[in-house]
Amino acid sequence: MAARRTEEKMILMVSAIAVVALLPLAIMRTSFGELEGATVNGLGALVSLALFVYVYRTREIDVAGLCLSLLVMGCLVGNIFSKGVGEVYFLYPTIVAAYFLVKPLYALCLSLFALVLLLPVTWVQLDGLSFAKIYLSLLGCVLFTYAFAKQRNEQRDQLLLSATKDSLTGAGNRREMDRRLAEALQRFERNASPMSLIILDLDKFKQINDTVGHVVGDELLVRVTTILQSRIRVTDDLFRYGGDEFIVLADTADLATGAQLAEDLRALVEADLSISGWQLSISLGVAAYTKGETREAWLKRADEALLESKRLGRNKVVVSESPQPPGPPVLLTP
């Protein structure tokens, strides 16, 4: 199982702390006869426990983070109304924590709404100077935390992009391909949905580089990537496997569907003349996943089909039949 994200860990930690803090408090208030307060604390503990279990099992954080933020912020605002402005200082860490639980914009709106709700009680219980100090410091905490969280998210997205995308073409890189293939095999174990691999590369690409240079070669790689991405389905993934070689993971596609997709890609690339009138072609190998097959064996079958396409004269689609029983690759394109 993949490691849990920071947001997941934060929600699990905050919900666990809420359970540990609220449940004993509910029991204590019940013993003192404070049934109303005990009921509120008990419901808060149950909701926190439910959110903990939900996130732990599903790893979905959006709804859970928002519910947990509302719960914690609401309890704190209610506590300030009931016990006075002396409790307002607990609002500072709560504001910061909200940015770890939900998106920065949601946390900003939630924090500002809490400040608006607290205006009546703080205005009545504080003198003008104390009121100004409290609200200016709270507002500064809200705005600076928002700016920091937004910048952090932008940097995280840039790092994620550089870690998963090929810098030249924008297709997924080898690392992302390995991760997606592992997920695909796990998904197949659950629902046995068909899926196919398409391996392709540009015909005579080395000759192109030697003739017109690497700059044009890079332009052709980018152009081919654009053509492939325009045709593959939203459920498919495109990766640059290395050099001029690409892989398409066609989800929910049996061998016939994968072969038809490969043929469409071949025809689109052959018909394109957008870069200085240079005509390009690709060779493709297709293999549908077979139950029990390793990722390496699956890739190897698709690669062998690609090599057969090259051997037969390039600019062709060759499909690999199931390894059980073994059989040679079958030529699709005449």
C-alpha atoms as a PDB file:
ATOM      1  CA  MET A   1       0.000   0.000   0.000  1.00  0.00           C
ATOM      2  CA  ALA A   2       1.253   3.466  -0.879  1.00  0.00           C
ATOM      3  CA  ALA A   3       2.380   5.746   1.935  1.00  0.00           C
ATOM      4  CA  ARG A   4      -0.253   8.053   3.352  1.00  0.00           C
ATOM      5  CA  ARG A   5      -0.211  11.685   2.302  1.00  0.00           C
ATOM      6  CA  THR A   6       0.492  14.478   4.770  1.00  0.00           C
ATOM      7  CA  GLU A   7      -3.160  15.575   4.597  1.00  0.00           C
ATOM      8  CA  GLU A   8      -4.332  12.058   5.491  1.00  0.00           C
ATOM      9  CA  LYS A   9      -1.976  11.864   8.453  1.00  0.00           C
ATOM     10  CA  MET A  10      -3.090  15.291   9.669  1.00  0.00           C
ATOM     11  CA  ILE A  11      -6.789  14.388   9.522  1.00  0.00           C
ATOM     12  CA  LEU A  12      -6.171  11.085  11.287  1.00  0.00           C
ATOM     13  CA  MET A  13      -4.124  12.789  13.994  1.00  0.00           C
ATOM     14  CA  VAL A  14      -6.594  15.646  14.592  1.00  0.00           C
ATOM     15  CA  SER A  15      -9.608  13.323  14.644  1.00  0.00           C
ATOM     16  CA  ALA A  16      -7.833  10.972  17.071  1.00  0.00           C
ATOM     17  CA  ILE A  17      -6.931  13.891  19.351  1.00  0.00           C
ATOM     18  CA  ALA A  18     -10.539  15.091  19.224  1.00  0.00           C
ATOM     19  CA  VAL A  19     -11.799  11.657  20.308  1.00  0.00           C
ATOM     20  CA  VAL A  20      -9.289  11.422  23.145  1.00  0.00           C
ATOM     21  CA  ALA A  21     -10.110  14.952  24.328  1.00  0.00           C
ATOM     22  CA  LEU A  22     -13.888  14.962  23.928  1.00  0.00           C
ATOM     23  CA  LEU A  23     -14.862  11.490  25.148  1.00  0.00           C
ATOM     24  CA  PRO A  24     -13.421  11.824  28.695  1.00  0.00           C
ATOM     25  CA  LEU A  25     -14.893  15.321  28.861  1.00  0.00           C
ATOM     26  CA  ALA A  26     -18.331  13.968  27.950  1.00  0.00           C
ATOM     27  CA  ILE A  27     -18.054  11.304  30.656  1.00  0.00           C
ATOM     28  CA  MET A  28     -16.915  13.844  33.247  1.00  0.00           C
ATOM     29  CA  ARG A  29     -19.748  16.264  32.427  1.00  0.00           C
ATOM     30  CA  THR A  30     -22.269  13.451  32.636  1.00  0.00           C
ATOM     31  CA  SER A  31     -21.068  12.637  36.149  1.00  0.00           C
ATOM     32  CA  PHE A  32     -21.526  16.296  37.116  1.00  0.00           C
ATOM     33  CA  GLY A  33     -24.996  16.429  35.642  1.00  0.00           C
ATOM     34  CA  GLU A  34     -24.085  18.734  32.734  1.00  0.00           C
ATOM     35  CA  LEU A  35     -26.126  16.729  30.266  1.00  0.00           C
ATOM     36  CA  GLU A  36     -26.291  19.367  27.550  1.00  0.00           C
ATOM     37  CA  GLY A  37     -22.532  19.860  27.435  1.00  0.00           C
ATOM     38  CA  ALA A  38     -21.962  16.111  27.744  1.00  0.00           C
ATOM     39  CA  THR A  39     -24.240  15.459  24.773  1.00  0.00           C
ATOM     40  CA  VAL A  40     -22.369  17.989  22.607  1.00  0.00           C
ATOM     41  CA  ASN A  41     -18.990  16.520  23.594  1.00  0.00           C
ATOM     42  CA  GLY A  42     -20.203  12.966  23.019  1.00  0.00           C
ATOM     43  CA  LEU A  43     -21.536  13.769  19.552  1.00  0.00           C
ATOM     44  CA  GLY A  44     -18.266  15.504  18.710  1.00  0.00           C
ATOM     45  CA  ALA A  45     -16.306  12.426  19.790  1.00  0.00           C
ATOM     46  CA  LEU A  46     -18.531  10.117  17.714  1.00  0.00           C
ATOM     47  CA  VAL A  47     -18.223  12.295  14.612  1.00  0.00           C
ATOM     48  CA  SER A  48     -14.437  12.467  15.043  1.00  0.00           C
ATOM     49  CA  LEU A  49     -14.243   8.696  15.414  1.00  0.00           C
ATOM     50  CA  ALA A  50     -16.379   8.195  12.302  1.00  0.00           C
ATOM     51  CA  LEU A  51     -14.144  10.544  10.320  1.00  0.00           C
ATOM     52  CA  PHE A  52     -11.042   8.705  11.548  1.00  0.00           C
ATOM     53  CA  VAL A  53     -12.419   5.336  10.423  1.00  0.00           C
ATOM     54  CA  TYR A  54     -13.633   6.774   7.095  1.00  0.00           C
ATOM     55  CA  VAL A  55     -10.268   8.316   6.184  1.00  0.00           C
ATOM     56  CA  TYR A  56      -8.300   5.302   7.436  1.00  0.00           C
ATOM     57  CA  ARG A  57     -10.307   2.899   5.261  1.00  0.00           C
ATOM     58  CA  THR A  58     -11.035   4.966   2.145  1.00  0.00           C
ATOM     59  CA  ARG A  59      -8.120   7.467   2.157  1.00  0.00           C
ATOM     60  CA  GLU A  60     -10.587  10.106   0.903  1.00  0.00           C
ATOM     61  CA  ILE A  61      -9.804  13.425   2.546  1.00  0.00           C
ATOM     62  CA  ASP A  62     -11.824  16.231   0.949  1.00  0.00           C
ATOM     63  CA  VAL A  63     -15.180  15.765   2.689  1.00  0.00           C
ATOM     64  CA  ALA A  64     -13.592  14.446   5.871  1.00  0.00           C
ATOM     65  CA  GLY A  65     -11.218  17.392   6.126  1.00  0.00           C
ATOM     66  CA  LEU A  66     -14.033  19.897   5.675  1.00  0.00           C
ATOM     67  CA  CYS A  67     -16.253  18.151   8.242  1.00  0.00           C
ATOM     68  CA  LEU A  68     -13.416  17.965  10.756  1.00  0.00           C
ATOM     69  CA  SER A  69     -12.537  21.635  10.257  1.00  0.00           C
ATOM     70  CA  LEU A  70     -16.163  22.652  10.758  1.00  0.00           C
ATOM     71  CA  LEU A  71     -16.408  20.474  13.854  1.00  0.00           C
ATOM     72  CA  VAL A  72     -13.269  21.811  15.525  1.00  0.00           C
ATOM     73  CA  MET A  73     -13.895  25.440  14.576  1.00  0.00           C
ATOM     74  CA  GLY A  74     -17.554  25.225  15.591  1.00  0.00           C
ATOM     75  CA  CYS A  75     -16.733  23.688  18.971  1.00  0.00           C
ATOM     76  CA  LEU A  76     -14.141  26.377  19.636  1.00  0.00           C
ATOM     77  CA  VAL A  77     -16.477  29.236  18.678  1.00  0.00           C
ATOM     78  CA  GLY A  78     -19.206  27.746  20.881  1.00  0.00           C
ATOM     79  CA  ASN A  79     -16.718  27.408  23.732  1.00  0.00           C
ATOM     80  CA  ILE A  80     -15.769  31.093  23.417  1.00  0.00           C
ATOM     81  CA  PHE A  81     -19.430  32.107  23.518  1.00  0.00           C
ATOM     82  CA  SER A  82     -20.077  30.013  26.628  1.00  0.00           C
ATOM     83  CA  LYS A  83     -16.872  30.639  28.600  1.00  0.00           C
ATOM     84  CA  GLY A  84     -15.796  34.076  27.382  1.00  0.00           C
ATOM     85  CA  VAL A  85     -13.052  35.648  25.317  1.00  0.00           C
ATOM     86  CA  GLY A  86     -10.335  34.119  27.463  1.00  0.00           C
ATOM     87  CA  GLU A  87     -10.700  31.027  25.255  1.00  0.00           C
ATOM     88  CA  VAL A  88     -10.004  32.988  22.061  1.00  0.00           C
ATOM     89  CA  TYR A  89      -6.289  32.187  22.153  1.00  0.00           C
ATOM     90  CA  PHE A  90      -7.045  28.573  21.222  1.00  0.00           C
ATOM     91  CA  LEU A  91      -8.275  29.963  17.910  1.00  0.00           C
ATOM     92  CA  TYR A  92      -4.716  30.610  16.658  1.00  0.00           C
ATOM     93  CA  PRO A  93      -3.586  26.943  16.415  1.00  0.00           C
ATOM     94  CA  THR A  94      -7.049  25.997  15.139  1.00  0.00           C
ATOM     95  CA  ILE A  95      -6.710  28.447  12.251  1.00  0.00           C
ATOM     96  CA  VAL A  96      -3.300  27.045  11.323  1.00  0.00           C
ATOM     97  CA  ALA A  97      -4.539  23.446  11.580  1.00  0.00           C
ATOM     98  CA  ALA A  98      -7.426  24.171   9.197  1.00  0.00           C
ATOM     99  CA  TYR A  99      -4.944  24.780   6.368  1.00  0.00           C
ATOM    100  CA  PHE A 100      -3.636  21.225   6.815  1.00  0.00           C
ATOM    101  CA  LEU A 101      -7.133  19.760   6.667  1.00  0.00           C
ATOM    102  CA  VAL A 102      -8.747  21.535   3.702  1.00  0.00           C
ATOM    103  CA  LYS A 103      -7.763  23.590   0.662  1.00  0.00           C
ATOM    104  CA  PRO A 104      -6.339  27.052   1.474  1.00  0.00           C
ATOM    105  CA  LEU A 105      -9.360  28.906   0.088  1.00  0.00           C
ATOM    106  CA  TYR A 106     -11.758  26.823   2.198  1.00  0.00           C
ATOM    107  CA  ALA A 107      -9.630  27.363   5.293  1.00  0.00           C
ATOM    108  CA  LEU A 108      -9.534  31.105   4.623  1.00  0.00           C
ATOM    109  CA  CYS A 109     -13.324  31.347   4.268  1.00  0.00           C
ATOM    110  CA  LEU A 110     -13.881  29.195   7.354  1.00  0.00           C
ATOM    111  CA  SER A 111     -11.474  31.264   9.479  1.00  0.00           C
ATOM    112  CA  LEU A 112     -12.951  34.599   8.379  1.00  0.00           C
ATOM    113  CA  PHE A 113     -16.474  33.296   9.046  1.00  0.00           C
ATOM    114  CA  ALA A 114     -15.428  32.300  12.577  1.00  0.00           C
ATOM    115  CA  LEU A 115     -14.053  35.810  13.182  1.00  0.00           C
ATOM    116  CA  VAL A 116     -17.340  37.325  12.029  1.00  0.00           C
ATOM    117  CA  LEU A 117     -19.320  35.029  14.357  1.00  0.00           C
ATOM    118  CA  LEU A 118     -17.150  36.073  17.306  1.00  0.00           C
ATOM    119  CA  LEU A 119     -17.657  39.809  16.760  1.00  0.00           C
ATOM    120  CA  PRO A 120     -20.609  40.172  19.191  1.00  0.00           C
ATOM    121  CA  VAL A 121     -18.989  38.428  22.157  1.00  0.00           C
ATOM    122  CA  THR A 122     -15.545  39.990  21.720  1.00  0.00           C
ATOM    123  CA  TRP A 123     -16.962  43.495  21.169  1.00  0.00           C
ATOM    124  CA  VAL A 124     -18.999  43.293  24.369  1.00  0.00           C
ATOM    125  CA  GLN A 125     -16.335  41.731  26.609  1.00  0.00           C
ATOM    126  CA  LEU A 126     -13.236  43.631  25.436  1.00  0.00           C
ATOM    127  CA  ASP A 127     -12.295  47.285  25.464  1.00  0.00           C
ATOM    128  CA  GLY A 128     -11.497  48.983  22.157  1.00  0.00           C
ATOM    129  CA  LEU A 129      -7.721  48.532  22.322  1.00  0.00           C
ATOM    130  CA  SER A 130      -7.864  44.875  23.376  1.00  0.00           C
ATOM    131  CA  PHE A 131     -10.465  44.194  20.696  1.00  0.00           C
ATOM    132  CA  ALA A 132      -8.241  45.760  18.026  1.00  0.00           C
ATOM    133  CA  LYS A 133      -5.184  43.782  19.181  1.00  0.00           C
ATOM    134  CA  ILE A 134      -7.053  40.470  19.197  1.00  0.00           C
ATOM    135  CA  TYR A 135      -8.659  40.947  15.791  1.00  0.00           C
ATOM    136  CA  LEU A 136      -5.612  42.373  14.053  1.00  0.00           C
ATOM    137  CA  SER A 137      -3.446  39.491  15.294  1.00  0.00           C
ATOM    138  CA  LEU A 138      -6.093  36.924  14.319  1.00  0.00           C
ATOM    139  CA  LEU A 139      -6.503  38.505  10.902  1.00  0.00           C
ATOM    140  CA  GLY A 140      -2.726  38.522  10.406  1.00  0.00           C
ATOM    141  CA  CYS A 141      -2.579  34.853  11.392  1.00  0.00           C
ATOM    142  CA  VAL A 142      -5.335  34.014   8.884  1.00  0.00           C
ATOM    143  CA  LEU A 143      -3.831  35.938   5.965  1.00  0.00           C
ATOM    144  CA  PHE A 144      -0.181  34.947   6.492  1.00  0.00           C
ATOM    145  CA  THR A 145      -1.124  31.285   6.932  1.00  0.00           C
ATOM    146  CA  TYR A 146      -3.198  31.456   3.763  1.00  0.00           C
ATOM    147  CA  ALA A 147      -0.281  32.964   1.803  1.00  0.00           C
ATOM    148  CA  PHE A 148       2.113  30.326   3.149  1.00  0.00           C
ATOM    149  CA  ALA A 149      -0.273  27.426   2.437  1.00  0.00           C
ATOM    150  CA  LYS A 150      -0.955  28.636  -1.108  1.00  0.00           C
ATOM    151  CA  GLN A 151       2.767  28.976  -1.855  1.00  0.00           C
ATOM    152  CA  ARG A 152       3.432  25.555  -0.335  1.00  0.00           C
ATOM    153  CA  ASN A 153       0.764  23.956  -2.514  1.00  0.00           C
ATOM    154  CA  GLU A 154       2.142  25.601  -5.655  1.00  0.00           C
ATOM    155  CA  GLN A 155       5.661  24.364  -4.863  1.00  0.00           C
ATOM    156  CA  ARG A 156       4.306  20.889  -4.123  1.00  0.00           C
ATOM    157  CA  ASP A 157       2.457  20.818  -7.466  1.00  0.00           C
ATOM    158  CA  GLN A 158       5.630  21.885  -9.306  1.00  0.00           C
ATOM    159  CA  LEU A 159       7.655  19.182  -7.567  1.00  0.00           C
ATOM    160  CA  LEU A 160       4.978  16.603  -8.349  1.00  0.00           C
ATOM    161  CA  LEU A 161       4.953  17.661 -11.991  1.00  0.00           C
ATOM    162  CA  SER A 162       8.738  17.374 -12.299  1.00  0.00           C
ATOM    163  CA  ALA A 163       8.669  14.007 -10.534  1.00  0.00           C
ATOM    164  CA  THR A 164       6.018  12.461 -12.797  1.00  0.00           C
ATOM    165  CA  LYS A 165       6.309  14.177 -16.205  1.00  0.00           C
ATOM    166  CA  ASP A 166       8.912  13.984 -18.951  1.00  0.00           C
ATOM    167  CA  SER A 167      10.453  17.453 -19.211  1.00  0.00           C
ATOM    168  CA  LEU A 168      10.509  17.533 -23.042  1.00  0.00           C
ATOM    169  CA  THR A 169       7.192  16.036 -24.098  1.00  0.00           C
ATOM    170  CA  GLY A 170       4.995  16.374 -21.017  1.00  0.00           C
ATOM    171  CA  ALA A 171       4.112  12.678 -21.147  1.00  0.00           C
ATOM    172  CA  GLY A 172       4.452  10.615 -17.990  1.00  0.00           C
ATOM    173  CA  ASN A 173       7.989   9.513 -17.139  1.00  0.00           C
ATOM    174  CA  ARG A 174       9.330   6.055 -16.249  1.00  0.00           C
ATOM    175  CA  ARG A 175       8.732   6.541 -12.540  1.00  0.00           C
ATOM    176  CA  GLU A 176       5.095   7.471 -13.074  1.00  0.00           C
ATOM    177  CA  MET A 177       4.686   4.589 -15.532  1.00  0.00           C
ATOM    178  CA  ASP A 178       5.928   2.064 -12.955  1.00  0.00           C
ATOM    179  CA  ARG A 179       3.486   3.449 -10.396  1.00  0.00           C
ATOM    180  CA  ARG A 180       0.510   3.411 -12.780  1.00  0.00           C
ATOM    181  CA  LEU A 181       1.276  -0.119 -13.987  1.00  0.00           C
ATOM    182  CA  ALA A 182       1.444  -1.350 -10.398  1.00  0.00           C
ATOM    183  CA  GLU A 183      -1.936   0.274  -9.707  1.00  0.00           C
ATOM    184  CA  ALA A 184      -3.378  -1.268 -12.882  1.00  0.00           C
ATOM    185  CA  LEU A 185      -2.328  -4.769 -11.845  1.00  0.00           C
ATOM    186  CA  GLN A 186      -3.813  -4.270  -8.366  1.00  0.00           C
ATOM    187  CA  ARG A 187      -7.038  -3.037  -9.935  1.00  0.00           C
ATOM    188  CA  PHE A 188      -7.150  -6.078 -12.231  1.00  0.00           C
ATOM    189  CA  GLU A 189      -6.946  -8.362  -9.189  1.00  0.00           C
ATOM    190  CA  ARG A 190     -10.103  -6.689  -7.817  1.00  0.00           C
ATOM    191  CA  ASN A 191     -12.345  -6.513 -10.901  1.00  0.00           C
ATOM    192  CA  ALA A 192     -10.535  -8.333 -13.769  1.00  0.00           C
ATOM    193  CA  SER A 193     -11.273  -5.454 -16.137  1.00  0.00           C
ATOM    194  CA  PRO A 194      -9.377  -5.832 -19.455  1.00  0.00           C
ATOM    195  CA  MET A 195      -6.406  -3.582 -20.188  1.00  0.00           C
ATOM    196  CA  SER A 196      -3.793  -3.375 -22.908  1.00  0.00           C
ATOM    197  CA  LEU A 197      -0.302  -1.998 -23.398  1.00  0.00           C
ATOM    198  CA  ILE A 198       0.785  -0.270 -26.593  1.00  0.00           C
ATOM    199  CA  ILE A 199       4.526   0.216 -27.115  1.00  0.00           C
ATOM    200  CA  LEU A 200       5.557   2.391 -30.022  1.00  0.00           C
ATOM    201  CA  ASP A 201       8.565   4.224 -31.330  1.00  0.00           C
ATOM    202  CA  LEU A 202       9.395   6.550 -34.201  1.00  0.00           C
ATOM    203  CA  ASP A 203      10.685   4.875 -37.351  1.00  0.00           C
ATOM    204  CA  LYS A 204      14.254   5.758 -38.367  1.00  0.00           C
ATOM    205  CA  PHE A 205      14.480   8.402 -35.663  1.00  0.00           C
ATOM    206  CA  LYS A 206      18.258   8.153 -35.392  1.00  0.00           C
ATOM    207  CA  GLN A 207      18.509   8.871 -39.104  1.00  0.00           C
ATOM    208  CA  ILE A 208      16.318  11.955 -38.630  1.00  0.00           C
ATOM    209  CA  ASN A 209      18.553  13.246 -35.836  1.00  0.00           C
ATOM    210  CA  ASP A 210      21.679  12.619 -37.896  1.00  0.00           C
ATOM    211  CA  THR A 211      20.174  14.333 -40.962  1.00  0.00           C
ATOM    212  CA  VAL A 212      18.403  17.416 -39.609  1.00  0.00           C
ATOM    213  CA  GLY A 213      19.696  17.629 -36.056  1.00  0.00           C
ATOM    214  CA  HIS A 214      18.412  17.074 -32.559  1.00  0.00           C
ATOM    215  CA  VAL A 215      16.398  20.296 -32.464  1.00  0.00           C
ATOM    216  CA  VAL A 216      14.074  19.048 -35.203  1.00  0.00           C
ATOM    217  CA  GLY A 217      14.147  15.618 -33.590  1.00  0.00           C
ATOM    218  CA  ASP A 218      12.898  17.115 -30.321  1.00  0.00           C
ATOM    219  CA  GLU A 219      10.178  19.001 -32.200  1.00  0.00           C
ATOM    220  CA  LEU A 220       9.046  15.746 -33.776  1.00  0.00           C
ATOM    221  CA  LEU A 221       8.918  14.030 -30.367  1.00  0.00           C
ATOM    222  CA  VAL A 222       6.772  16.832 -28.982  1.00  0.00           C
ATOM    223  CA  ARG A 223       4.522  16.772 -32.045  1.00  0.00           C
ATOM    224  CA  VAL A 224       4.050  12.995 -31.856  1.00  0.00           C
ATOM    225  CA  THR A 225       3.197  13.325 -28.159  1.00  0.00           C
ATOM    226  CA  THR A 226       0.535  15.903 -29.023  1.00  0.00           C
ATOM    227  CA  ILE A 227      -0.963  13.606 -31.671  1.00  0.00           C
ATOM    228  CA  LEU A 228      -1.030  10.640 -29.297  1.00  0.00           C
ATOM    229  CA  GLN A 229      -2.619  12.637 -26.482  1.00  0.00           C
ATOM    230  CA  SER A 230      -5.284  13.970 -28.838  1.00  0.00           C
ATOM    231  CA  ARG A 231      -6.449  10.442 -29.675  1.00  0.00           C
ATOM    232  CA  ILE A 232      -6.081   8.378 -26.511  1.00  0.00           C
ATOM    233  CA  ARG A 233      -9.073   8.254 -24.191  1.00  0.00           C
ATOM    234  CA  VAL A 234      -9.338  10.089 -20.880  1.00  0.00           C
ATOM    235  CA  THR A 235      -8.950   6.737 -19.121  1.00  0.00           C
ATOM    236  CA  ASP A 236      -5.654   6.001 -20.921  1.00  0.00           C
ATOM    237  CA  ASP A 237      -2.153   7.055 -19.861  1.00  0.00           C
ATOM    238  CA  LEU A 238       0.784   8.037 -22.073  1.00  0.00           C
ATOM    239  CA  PHE A 239       4.404   7.665 -20.967  1.00  0.00           C
ATOM    240  CA  ARG A 240       7.764   8.332 -22.564  1.00  0.00           C
ATOM    241  CA  TYR A 241       9.591   5.052 -22.086  1.00  0.00           C
ATOM    242  CA  GLY A 242      12.949   6.357 -23.248  1.00  0.00           C
ATOM    243  CA  GLY A 243      14.437   8.074 -26.292  1.00  0.00           C
ATOM    244  CA  ASP A 244      11.831   7.911 -29.050  1.00  0.00           C
ATOM    245  CA  GLU A 245       9.839   5.097 -27.421  1.00  0.00           C
ATOM    246  CA  PHE A 246       6.416   5.636 -25.830  1.00  0.00           C
ATOM    247  CA  ILE A 247       3.927   3.460 -23.950  1.00  0.00           C
ATOM    248  CA  VAL A 248       0.148   3.803 -23.808  1.00  0.00           C
ATOM    249  CA  LEU A 249      -1.648   2.073 -20.953  1.00  0.00           C
ATOM    250  CA  ALA A 250      -5.154   1.537 -22.345  1.00  0.00           C
ATOM    251  CA  ASP A 251      -7.429   0.892 -19.387  1.00  0.00           C
ATOM    252  CA  THR A 252     -10.606  -1.172 -19.820  1.00  0.00           C
ATOM    253  CA  ALA A 253      -9.417  -2.116 -23.320  1.00  0.00           C
ATOM    254  CA  ASP A 254      -9.284  -5.697 -24.536  1.00  0.00           C
ATOM    255  CA  LEU A 255      -6.893  -6.769 -27.275  1.00  0.00           C
ATOM    256  CA  ALA A 256      -9.228  -5.753 -30.121  1.00  0.00           C
ATOM    257  CA  THR A 257      -9.856  -2.315 -28.618  1.00  0.00           C
ATOM    258  CA  GLY A 258      -6.166  -1.798 -27.939  1.00  0.00           C
ATOM    259  CA  ALA A 259      -5.277  -2.838 -31.484  1.00  0.00           C
ATOM    260  CA  GLN A 260      -7.810  -0.433 -32.975  1.00  0.00           C
ATOM    261  CA  LEU A 261      -6.465   2.396 -30.834  1.00  0.00           C
ATOM    262  CA  ALA A 262      -2.930   1.565 -31.979  1.00  0.00           C
ATOM    263  CA  GLU A 263      -3.995   1.591 -35.621  1.00  0.00           C
ATOM    264  CA  ASP A 264      -5.661   4.989 -35.166  1.00  0.00           C
ATOM    265  CA  LEU A 265      -2.458   6.364 -33.646  1.00  0.00           C
ATOM    266  CA  ARG A 266      -0.359   4.964 -36.475  1.00  0.00           C
ATOM    267  CA  ALA A 267      -2.607   6.511 -39.134  1.00  0.00           C
ATOM    268  CA  LEU A 268      -2.705   9.921 -37.422  1.00  0.00           C
ATOM    269  CA  VAL A 269       1.079  10.132 -37.146  1.00  0.00           C
ATOM    270  CA  GLU A 270       1.583   9.012 -40.753  1.00  0.00           C
ATOM    271  CA  ALA A 271      -0.852  11.677 -41.992  1.00  0.00           C
ATOM    272  CA  ASP A 272       0.777  14.540 -40.072  1.00  0.00           C
ATOM    273  CA  LEU A 273       3.089  16.914 -41.983  1.00  0.00           C
ATOM    274  CA  SER A 274       3.111  19.868 -39.603  1.00  0.00           C
ATOM    275  CA  ILE A 275       6.879  20.114 -39.017  1.00  0.00           C
ATOM    276  CA  SER A 276       8.652  21.410 -42.114  1.00  0.00           C
ATOM    277  CA  GLY A 277       6.830  18.910 -44.304  1.00  0.00           C
ATOM    278  CA  TRP A 278       8.662  16.038 -42.595  1.00  0.00           C
ATOM    279  CA  GLN A 279       6.719  12.795 -42.896  1.00  0.00           C
ATOM    280  CA  LEU A 280       6.980  10.513 -39.900  1.00  0.00           C
ATOM    281  CA  SER A 281       5.741   7.047 -39.078  1.00  0.00           C
ATOM    282  CA  ILE A 282       5.613   4.866 -36.000  1.00  0.00           C
ATOM    283  CA  SER A 283       5.705   1.155 -35.330  1.00  0.00           C
ATOM    284  CA  LEU A 284       3.547  -0.324 -32.605  1.00  0.00           C
ATOM    285  CA  GLY A 285       3.202  -3.486 -30.535  1.00  0.00           C
ATOM    286  CA  VAL A 286       0.063  -4.326 -28.549  1.00  0.00           C
ATOM    287  CA  ALA A 287      -0.421  -6.807 -25.706  1.00  0.00           C
ATOM    288  CA  ALA A 288      -3.509  -7.364 -23.548  1.00  0.00           C
ATOM    289  CA  TYR A 289      -2.883  -8.285 -19.916  1.00  0.00           C
ATOM    290  CA  THR A 290      -3.336 -11.930 -18.974  1.00  0.00           C
ATOM    291  CA  LYS A 291      -4.272 -12.938 -15.425  1.00  0.00           C
ATOM    292  CA  GLY A 292      -1.272 -13.992 -13.374  1.00  0.00           C
ATOM    293  CA  GLU A 293       1.209 -12.344 -15.726  1.00  0.00           C
ATOM    294  CA  THR A 294       3.979 -10.226 -14.212  1.00  0.00           C
ATOM    295  CA  ARG A 295       4.438  -6.620 -15.254  1.00  0.00           C
ATOM    296  CA  GLU A 296       7.803  -7.478 -16.793  1.00  0.00           C
ATOM    297  CA  ALA A 297       6.333 -10.327 -18.850  1.00  0.00           C
ATOM    298  CA  TRP A 298       3.514  -8.077 -20.060  1.00  0.00           C
ATOM    299  CA  LEU A 299       5.957  -5.384 -21.147  1.00  0.00           C
ATOM    300  CA  LYS A 300       8.164  -7.984 -22.801  1.00  0.00           C
ATOM    301  CA  ARG A 301       5.303  -9.333 -24.926  1.00  0.00           C
ATOM    302  CA  ALA A 302       4.376  -5.850 -26.106  1.00  0.00           C
ATOM    303  CA  ASP A 303       8.017  -5.084 -26.862  1.00  0.00           C
ATOM    304  CA  GLU A 304       8.417  -8.307 -28.839  1.00  0.00           C
ATOM    305  CA  ALA A 305       5.374  -7.323 -30.901  1.00  0.00           C
ATOM    306  CA  LEU A 306       7.004  -3.934 -31.555  1.00  0.00           C
ATOM    307  CA  LEU A 307      10.213  -5.641 -32.701  1.00  0.00           C
ATOM    308  CA  GLU A 308       8.165  -7.826 -35.029  1.00  0.00           C
ATOM    309  CA  SER A 309       6.572  -4.705 -36.476  1.00  0.00           C
ATOM    310  CA  LYS A 310      10.044  -3.305 -37.163  1.00  0.00           C
ATOM    311  CA  ARG A 311      11.160  -6.583 -38.731  1.00  0.00           C
ATOM    312  CA  LEU A 312       8.143  -6.600 -41.051  1.00  0.00           C
ATOM    313  CA  GLY A 313       9.016  -3.197 -42.496  1.00  0.00           C
ATOM    314  CA  ARG A 314       7.933  -0.573 -39.914  1.00  0.00           C
ATOM    315  CA  ASN A 315       4.819   1.637 -39.837  1.00  0.00           C
ATOM    316  CA  LYS A 316       2.723  -1.345 -38.744  1.00  0.00           C
ATOM    317  CA  VAL A 317       0.711  -2.563 -35.760  1.00  0.00           C
ATOM    318  CA  VAL A 318       1.478  -6.045 -34.435  1.00  0.00           C
ATOM    319  CA  VAL A 319      -0.519  -7.646 -31.620  1.00  0.00           C
ATOM    320  CA  SER A 320       0.761 -10.245 -29.190  1.00  0.00           C
ATOM    321  CA  GLU A 321      -1.606 -13.092 -28.476  1.00  0.00           C
ATOM    322  CA  SER A 322      -2.092 -14.484 -24.979  1.00  0.00           C
ATOM    323  CA  PRO A 323       0.945 -16.350 -23.636  1.00  0.00           C
ATOM    324  CA  GLN A 324      -1.339 -19.327 -22.911  1.00  0.00           C
ATOM    325  CA  PRO A 325      -0.956 -21.110 -25.256  1.00  0.00           C
ATOM    326  CA  PRO A 326       2.191 -19.462 -26.589  1.00  0.00           C
ATOM    327  CA  GLY A 327       2.032 -18.083 -30.073  1.00  0.00           C
ATOM    328  CA  PRO A 328       3.911 -15.709 -32.337  1.00  0.00           C
ATOM    329  CA  PRO A 329       2.920 -12.045 -32.662  1.00  0.00           C
ATOM    330  CA  VAL A 330       0.173 -11.461 -35.203  1.00  0.00           C
ATOM    331  CA  LEU A 331       0.464  -8.760 -37.858  1.00  0.00           C
ATOM    332  CA  LEU A 332      -2.500  -6.391 -37.854  1.00  0.00           C
ATOM    333  CA  THR A 333      -1.456  -3.796 -40.441  1.00  0.00           C
ATOM    334  CA  PRO A 334      -0.745  -5.188 -43.932  1.00  0.00           C
END
